Each structure stands twice: as C-alpha cells, then as structure tokens.
Amino acid sequence: MNGQLSDFLRSRRARLGPRDVGLPERGRRRVPGLRREEVAQLAGVSTDYYIRLEQGHGRHVSDSVLDAVSRALRLDPAEHAYLHDLARPRRAGDRAPQEPVRSSVRLLLDSMRDVPAIVVDYRMVIVAANSLGTAVFGLTDDPRSRDRARAFFLDPASREFFPDWQGDAETIAAELRVQVARHPDDEWLTALIGELCIKSAEFRTLWADHNVKEKTQGSKRLRHPVVGELVFTYERLALADDDQRTLIAYTAEPGSPTAERLAMLASWHASPEREPAGGVGRQPHVSPGEVDAQG
C-alpha cells in the first residue's frame, strides 16, 4: 500500500505545472509537473516531511496535513478520500464480515418490476438481482456471469454488450482503485487486480494512470443480444447498515424505445421455453423478426 501512496502522489504532482497553482516558473525542468519542494510549499510543510510522505511513510500523518497536501495537488473529492485511505489503510478487523443480502432488500428488488436492479459488493460482484436485472445482464447460475470486472475486461463479448466500452473501462478501473485502498487486506480483490493486469493490456494501462472515481449516478448504454440497444439512467443507492454493497437501479424514460424493449425482454424472460447461456449479457439467439413478433 505504501507503494500505491508514492505512485499516486507522484502522478498527481506530475499533472500540475507552476502556473496551475499560481507559482512562478523557475529554471528548466527535467520532468513535467510540480517539484516536491513546490508541493511542500503549497501545503505548508517542510520539504523533508513531504518527501517522507511521498515515499509512503504516511501512517502517522495528521488529517490536517493530508488535507493541505490534497489542496496543494488540487485533488477532487474522490481523490481526497483516496489519499486518506492510502495514508491510513484500514486493518482487516475494521471490515464487517459479508452477511447474506437481507430479505427486506430482496423484497425491495422484487417489487421493482419495471426497473432492472442489482445489488453489487465492493468487489464488483453481483450478489442479488431482480428478474429484469437478471434478464438485462444475462445472469446465470455460473458465478462468472456475476463477476462484473473480470467479465468486462476478459470476456470478448463485453465489447459488443457495452458499446461505450472505453469510457466504461476507465470508470471501472478508477472505481476499483478506490476499493483497493479501502480494503487493502482483501486477497480476492488483490488477486483480481493482478489477474486483470496480466491478462488485459487495456486494464494495465488504465491502472497505471492512478485515476480514482466513484460514480453514484449517470447514464448507461447497453447493446442487448435479444432486444437491441438499451439506454438507461442509473442511480447507485446505499443500503442501511451495509457499507459493503450498494443497490443500482436502471430506469428508462416512459414510452421510450428502451421502455418498450424492457417490456419485451420481461415477457421473453418469463417464458418457460428460454434457455439461459453464460457470458456477458449473453442470451439465446433471437432473430430481429422474432423480437418484432413479441411486440
């Protein structure tokens, strides 16, 4: 974790120049970005102190110093929180054990009949879904269909299912960085990052950028193999007394093509003749004529 703190501070320092922070240009620079002594000056700490922090020795640093460094480096709220998590990582005992999804949450999911909804843990694994969420994301009994990060980067079908693949990839990598800092002792999460870095060149490049982000709402575009393009607005909702998981609901404009296609998908998913198939968003092949006939 100390290495991640060092790399993150260097990466944030490298993206700023003196003019960005109101400092004069002095002399020729061998590398882009602010010098360590300039960050220390802006943060109001000694250069030696900042150097020790950038070397990863931040476990006993005060909140006020971290806040000052955050302001000096122009960190956004997600980066600010990430800096605190890196400097003072939580111990394994600080995390509550994963409990089964509460029955009340499952009832809530099932009550959202016209809205695809899923519950995701901090590892980006889908741990629960309603019927429409299962249909939209092609979930099966195979655990691989619920492992969102691995499926996204390692299953070739994801590039068809997620037409905005590059932007989604940047978001997933940035969100994973947040979770790795919050859960530094999670061996499963560590193994996930290692596997993705080895097997996905795109993920490896994104991971090296040290970008962090937490998206709680936005738009999502999918290309479903049965009903075609789906355009959603999504909201990520915190669950009471459960800081390990969130509920994500995907809504469509009433009367929109997506709303009509969701209705067809719900009808198809309820049909006893369907045969589920594994993979990202994979469903049995249905020709355009068959889809039109369902409408």
Protein backbone atom coordinates (compact mmCIF):
# COMPACT_ATOMS: atom_id res chain seq x y z
CA MET A 1 0.00 0.00 0.00
CA ASN A 2 2.93 2.39 0.65
CA GLY A 3 3.95 1.94 -2.97
CA GLN A 4 0.48 2.96 -4.12
CA LEU A 5 0.65 6.11 -1.99
CA SER A 6 4.00 7.01 -3.56
CA ASP A 7 2.80 6.37 -7.09
CA PHE A 8 -0.43 8.28 -6.56
CA LEU A 9 1.24 11.40 -5.16
CA ARG A 10 3.82 11.42 -7.95
CA SER A 11 1.11 11.00 -10.59
CA ARG A 12 -0.96 13.87 -9.17
CA ARG A 13 2.12 16.07 -8.85
CA ALA A 14 3.11 15.34 -12.46
CA ARG A 15 -0.18 16.59 -13.90
CA LEU A 16 0.24 20.11 -12.48
CA GLY A 17 2.55 22.91 -13.54
CA PRO A 18 3.58 26.02 -11.59
CA ARG A 19 1.09 28.16 -13.50
CA ASP A 20 -1.73 25.83 -12.46
CA VAL A 21 -1.14 26.65 -8.80
CA GLY A 22 0.00 30.28 -9.04
CA LEU A 23 3.75 29.72 -8.74
CA PRO A 24 6.36 31.36 -10.98
CA GLU A 25 8.30 29.30 -13.50
CA ARG A 26 11.89 28.89 -12.30
CA GLY A 27 14.51 27.26 -14.41
CA ARG A 28 14.30 24.43 -16.87
CA ARG A 29 12.51 21.28 -15.69
CA ARG A 30 13.80 17.83 -16.48
CA VAL A 31 10.38 16.26 -15.90
CA PRO A 32 6.86 17.73 -16.18
CA GLY A 33 4.87 18.70 -13.15
CA LEU A 34 5.49 20.31 -9.80
CA ARG A 35 8.66 19.71 -7.83
CA ARG A 36 8.41 18.16 -4.40
CA GLU A 37 9.54 21.34 -2.72
CA GLU A 38 6.78 23.27 -4.51
CA VAL A 39 4.11 20.89 -3.23
CA ALA A 40 5.58 21.20 0.26
CA GLN A 41 5.50 25.00 -0.01
CA LEU A 42 1.87 24.97 -1.13
CA ALA A 43 0.91 22.56 1.66
CA GLY A 44 2.79 24.48 4.33
CA VAL A 45 5.04 21.59 5.38
CA SER A 46 8.79 21.05 5.16
CA THR A 47 10.22 19.53 2.01
CA ASP A 48 11.70 16.64 4.02
CA TYR A 49 8.29 15.92 5.55
CA TYR A 50 6.60 15.86 2.16
CA ILE A 51 9.33 13.65 0.71
CA ARG A 52 8.79 11.13 3.51
CA LEU A 53 5.07 11.19 2.79
CA GLU A 54 5.64 10.64 -0.92
CA GLN A 55 7.94 7.75 -0.07
CA GLY A 56 4.99 6.06 1.58
CA HIS A 57 5.61 6.93 5.22
CA GLY A 58 2.20 8.39 5.90
CA ARG A 59 0.65 6.15 8.52
CA HIS A 60 1.03 8.71 11.31
CA VAL A 61 0.38 11.83 9.25
CA SER A 62 -2.39 14.06 10.55
CA ASP A 63 -5.66 14.77 8.78
CA SER A 64 -4.73 18.45 8.56
CA VAL A 65 -1.53 17.66 6.65
CA LEU A 66 -3.33 15.29 4.29
CA ASP A 67 -5.96 17.96 3.70
CA ALA A 68 -3.25 20.53 2.97
CA VAL A 69 -1.50 18.21 0.51
CA SER A 70 -4.87 17.49 -1.11
CA ARG A 71 -5.49 21.21 -1.63
CA ALA A 72 -1.96 21.72 -2.95
CA LEU A 73 -2.41 18.98 -5.53
CA ARG A 74 -5.93 20.16 -6.48
CA LEU A 75 -7.47 16.77 -5.67
CA ASP A 76 -11.16 16.28 -6.30
CA PRO A 77 -13.37 14.78 -3.55
CA ALA A 78 -12.84 11.18 -4.71
CA GLU A 79 -9.06 11.66 -4.90
CA HIS A 80 -9.07 13.37 -1.50
CA ALA A 81 -10.81 10.39 0.12
CA TYR A 82 -8.48 8.02 -1.73
CA LEU A 83 -5.42 9.84 -0.34
CA HIS A 84 -6.71 9.38 3.21
CA ASP A 85 -7.39 5.68 2.59
CA LEU A 86 -3.89 5.15 1.20
CA ALA A 87 -2.17 7.03 4.01
CA ARG A 88 -4.00 5.16 6.75
CA PRO A 89 -5.36 1.89 5.36
CA ARG A 90 -7.99 0.09 7.39
CA ARG A 91 -6.96 -3.04 9.24
CA ALA A 92 -8.62 -6.33 8.35
CA GLY A 93 -10.58 -6.20 11.61
CA ASP A 94 -12.09 -2.85 10.62
CA ARG A 95 -14.28 -4.52 7.99
CA ALA A 96 -17.56 -6.11 8.82
CA PRO A 97 -17.89 -9.68 7.51
CA GLN A 98 -20.08 -10.16 4.46
CA GLU A 99 -23.58 -11.15 5.54
CA PRO A 100 -26.28 -12.56 3.27
CA VAL A 101 -28.38 -9.95 1.49
CA ARG A 102 -31.23 -9.08 3.82
CA SER A 103 -34.69 -10.40 2.99
CA SER A 104 -36.02 -6.84 3.04
CA VAL A 105 -33.54 -5.88 0.30
CA ARG A 106 -34.62 -8.86 -1.79
CA LEU A 107 -38.24 -7.84 -1.35
CA LEU A 108 -37.34 -4.34 -2.48
CA LEU A 109 -35.64 -5.74 -5.58
CA ASP A 110 -38.62 -7.92 -6.44
CA SER A 111 -41.02 -5.00 -6.01
CA MET A 112 -39.19 -3.07 -8.75
CA ARG A 113 -40.95 -4.96 -11.52
CA ASP A 114 -40.34 -2.49 -14.34
CA VAL A 115 -36.83 -1.44 -13.30
CA PRO A 116 -33.72 -3.60 -13.75
CA ALA A 117 -31.95 -3.60 -10.39
CA ILE A 118 -28.91 -5.35 -8.96
CA VAL A 119 -27.00 -5.41 -5.67
CA VAL A 120 -23.22 -5.22 -6.10
CA ASP A 121 -20.50 -5.64 -3.50
CA TYR A 122 -17.27 -3.65 -3.34
CA ARG A 123 -15.56 -6.33 -5.44
CA MET A 124 -17.99 -5.53 -8.30
CA VAL A 125 -19.69 -8.91 -7.92
CA ILE A 126 -23.46 -9.01 -8.39
CA VAL A 127 -24.81 -10.67 -5.24
CA ALA A 128 -28.53 -10.21 -5.95
CA ALA A 129 -30.77 -9.08 -8.79
CA ASN A 130 -34.43 -8.82 -9.64
CA SER A 131 -35.95 -10.62 -12.59
CA LEU A 132 -35.43 -7.78 -15.06
CA GLY A 133 -31.89 -7.16 -13.85
CA THR A 134 -31.14 -10.85 -14.43
CA ALA A 135 -32.56 -10.60 -17.95
CA VAL A 136 -30.72 -7.40 -18.86
CA PHE A 137 -27.30 -8.58 -17.68
CA GLY A 138 -27.67 -12.22 -18.70
CA LEU A 139 -27.09 -13.57 -15.20
CA THR A 140 -27.00 -17.33 -14.70
CA ASP A 141 -26.02 -19.82 -12.01
CA ASP A 142 -22.45 -19.58 -13.33
CA PRO A 143 -20.55 -17.24 -10.92
CA ARG A 144 -18.59 -15.85 -13.87
CA SER A 145 -21.74 -14.13 -15.14
CA ARG A 146 -21.85 -12.11 -11.90
CA ASP A 147 -18.14 -11.18 -11.70
CA ARG A 148 -18.51 -7.80 -13.41
CA ALA A 149 -14.90 -6.63 -13.57
CA ARG A 150 -13.45 -9.90 -14.84
CA ALA A 151 -16.24 -10.34 -17.37
CA PHE A 152 -15.88 -6.77 -18.59
CA PHE A 153 -12.14 -6.92 -19.28
CA LEU A 154 -11.64 -10.61 -20.09
CA ASP A 155 -14.78 -11.68 -21.97
CA PRO A 156 -14.63 -10.54 -25.63
CA ALA A 157 -18.45 -10.34 -25.68
CA SER A 158 -18.31 -7.32 -23.36
CA ARG A 159 -17.13 -5.07 -26.19
CA GLU A 160 -20.36 -5.74 -28.04
CA PHE A 161 -22.57 -5.59 -24.95
CA PHE A 162 -21.06 -2.27 -23.77
CA PRO A 163 -20.90 0.00 -26.84
CA ASP A 164 -19.20 2.72 -24.76
CA TRP A 165 -16.54 0.21 -23.73
CA GLN A 166 -13.57 2.56 -23.35
CA GLY A 167 -15.39 5.04 -21.15
CA ASP A 168 -16.87 2.25 -19.05
CA ALA A 169 -13.42 0.68 -18.72
CA GLU A 170 -11.98 3.91 -17.35
CA THR A 171 -14.78 4.11 -14.79
CA ILE A 172 -14.39 0.51 -13.63
CA ALA A 173 -10.61 0.80 -13.23
CA ALA A 174 -11.00 4.08 -11.32
CA GLU A 175 -13.65 2.61 -9.02
CA LEU A 176 -11.51 -0.47 -8.36
CA ARG A 177 -8.67 1.79 -7.23
CA VAL A 178 -10.96 3.28 -4.60
CA GLN A 179 -11.93 -0.16 -3.31
CA VAL A 180 -8.35 -1.48 -3.21
CA ALA A 181 -7.38 1.44 -0.98
CA ARG A 182 -10.38 0.85 1.30
CA HIS A 183 -9.83 -2.91 1.53
CA PRO A 184 -6.05 -3.41 1.36
CA ASP A 185 -6.17 -6.83 3.06
CA ASP A 186 -8.74 -8.35 0.71
CA GLU A 187 -6.86 -11.18 -1.01
CA TRP A 188 -9.65 -11.77 -3.52
CA LEU A 189 -9.51 -8.14 -4.64
CA THR A 190 -5.71 -8.22 -4.81
CA ALA A 191 -5.87 -11.35 -6.97
CA LEU A 192 -8.43 -9.69 -9.25
CA ILE A 193 -6.18 -6.70 -9.91
CA GLY A 194 -3.19 -8.96 -10.53
CA GLU A 195 -5.11 -11.13 -12.99
CA LEU A 196 -6.50 -8.15 -14.88
CA CYS A 197 -3.07 -6.51 -15.12
CA ILE A 198 -1.63 -9.73 -16.57
CA LYS A 199 -4.44 -10.62 -18.95
CA SER A 200 -5.74 -7.22 -20.11
CA ALA A 201 -3.42 -4.66 -21.71
CA GLU A 202 -6.20 -2.06 -21.54
CA PHE A 203 -6.68 -2.55 -17.82
CA ARG A 204 -2.93 -2.48 -17.23
CA THR A 205 -2.69 0.91 -18.95
CA LEU A 206 -5.66 2.33 -17.06
CA TRP A 207 -4.35 1.04 -13.73
CA ALA A 208 -1.06 2.83 -14.31
CA ASP A 209 -2.90 6.16 -14.65
CA HIS A 210 -3.86 6.13 -10.93
CA ASN A 211 -7.23 7.73 -11.63
CA VAL A 212 -9.88 7.33 -8.94
CA LYS A 213 -13.61 7.85 -9.23
CA GLU A 214 -16.87 6.87 -7.58
CA LYS A 215 -19.93 7.20 -9.80
CA THR A 216 -23.21 7.25 -7.93
CA GLN A 217 -25.40 8.17 -10.89
CA GLY A 218 -25.18 8.62 -14.62
CA SER A 219 -26.20 7.14 -17.94
CA LYS A 220 -25.52 3.64 -19.25
CA ARG A 221 -25.87 2.30 -22.78
CA LEU A 222 -26.06 -1.43 -23.45
CA ARG A 223 -26.47 -3.46 -26.63
CA HIS A 224 -28.58 -6.43 -25.56
CA PRO A 225 -28.34 -9.51 -27.83
CA VAL A 226 -32.12 -10.07 -27.77
CA VAL A 227 -33.79 -6.65 -27.83
CA GLY A 228 -31.01 -4.36 -29.03
CA GLU A 229 -29.87 -1.01 -27.63
CA LEU A 230 -30.94 -0.03 -24.11
CA VAL A 231 -30.32 3.46 -22.75
CA PHE A 232 -30.66 3.93 -19.00
CA THR A 233 -30.23 6.46 -16.27
CA TYR A 234 -28.87 4.73 -13.20
CA GLU A 235 -28.75 5.54 -9.50
CA ARG A 236 -26.45 3.80 -7.01
CA LEU A 237 -28.15 3.64 -3.63
CA ALA A 238 -26.52 2.95 -0.27
CA LEU A 239 -28.04 0.17 1.83
CA ALA A 240 -28.68 0.87 5.50
CA ASP A 241 -26.21 -0.85 7.84
CA ASP A 242 -24.30 -2.33 4.90
CA ASP A 243 -21.22 -0.43 3.73
CA GLN A 244 -20.03 -3.34 1.61
CA ARG A 245 -22.79 -3.32 -1.01
CA THR A 246 -24.95 -0.94 -3.00
CA LEU A 247 -28.16 -1.24 -4.98
CA ILE A 248 -28.07 0.00 -8.57
CA ALA A 249 -31.36 0.75 -10.32
CA TYR A 250 -31.58 1.38 -14.08
CA THR A 251 -34.51 3.49 -15.27
CA ALA A 252 -35.77 4.25 -18.77
CA GLU A 253 -37.85 7.18 -19.99
CA PRO A 254 -41.54 6.17 -20.09
CA GLY A 255 -42.65 5.49 -23.64
CA SER A 256 -39.07 5.39 -24.92
CA PRO A 257 -37.72 2.61 -27.16
CA THR A 258 -35.82 1.29 -24.14
CA ALA A 259 -39.01 1.06 -22.06
CA GLU A 260 -40.71 -0.86 -24.88
CA ARG A 261 -37.75 -3.19 -25.25
CA LEU A 262 -37.66 -3.81 -21.50
CA ALA A 263 -41.30 -4.90 -21.66
CA MET A 264 -40.45 -7.33 -24.45
CA LEU A 265 -37.45 -8.59 -22.51
CA ALA A 266 -39.53 -9.14 -19.37
CA SER A 267 -42.04 -11.14 -21.42
CA TRP A 268 -39.29 -13.19 -23.03
CA HIS A 269 -37.53 -13.79 -19.70
CA ALA A 270 -40.75 -15.12 -18.16
CA SER A 271 -41.20 -17.60 -20.99
CA PRO A 272 -40.52 -21.22 -19.92
CA GLU A 273 -39.03 -22.02 -23.35
CA ARG A 274 -35.96 -19.80 -22.95
CA GLU A 275 -32.57 -21.43 -22.35
CA PRO A 276 -30.05 -19.29 -20.46
CA ALA A 277 -26.50 -19.04 -21.72
CA GLY A 278 -23.38 -17.91 -19.88
CA GLY A 279 -21.25 -14.85 -20.60
CA VAL A 280 -21.60 -11.07 -20.51
CA GLY A 281 -25.17 -10.25 -21.46
CA ARG A 282 -25.40 -13.48 -23.46
CA GLN A 283 -28.83 -14.86 -24.22
CA PRO A 284 -30.05 -17.42 -26.75
CA HIS A 285 -30.02 -16.02 -30.26
CA VAL A 286 -33.29 -14.43 -31.33
CA SER A 287 -33.67 -13.04 -34.82
CA PRO A 288 -34.96 -9.47 -35.36
CA GLY A 289 -38.19 -10.92 -36.71
CA GLU A 290 -38.75 -12.88 -33.52
CA VAL A 291 -38.17 -9.75 -31.42
CA ASP A 292 -40.60 -7.76 -33.52
CA ALA A 293 -43.18 -10.51 -33.19
CA GLN A 294 -43.03 -10.24 -29.40
CA GLY A 295 -44.05 -6.60 -29.67
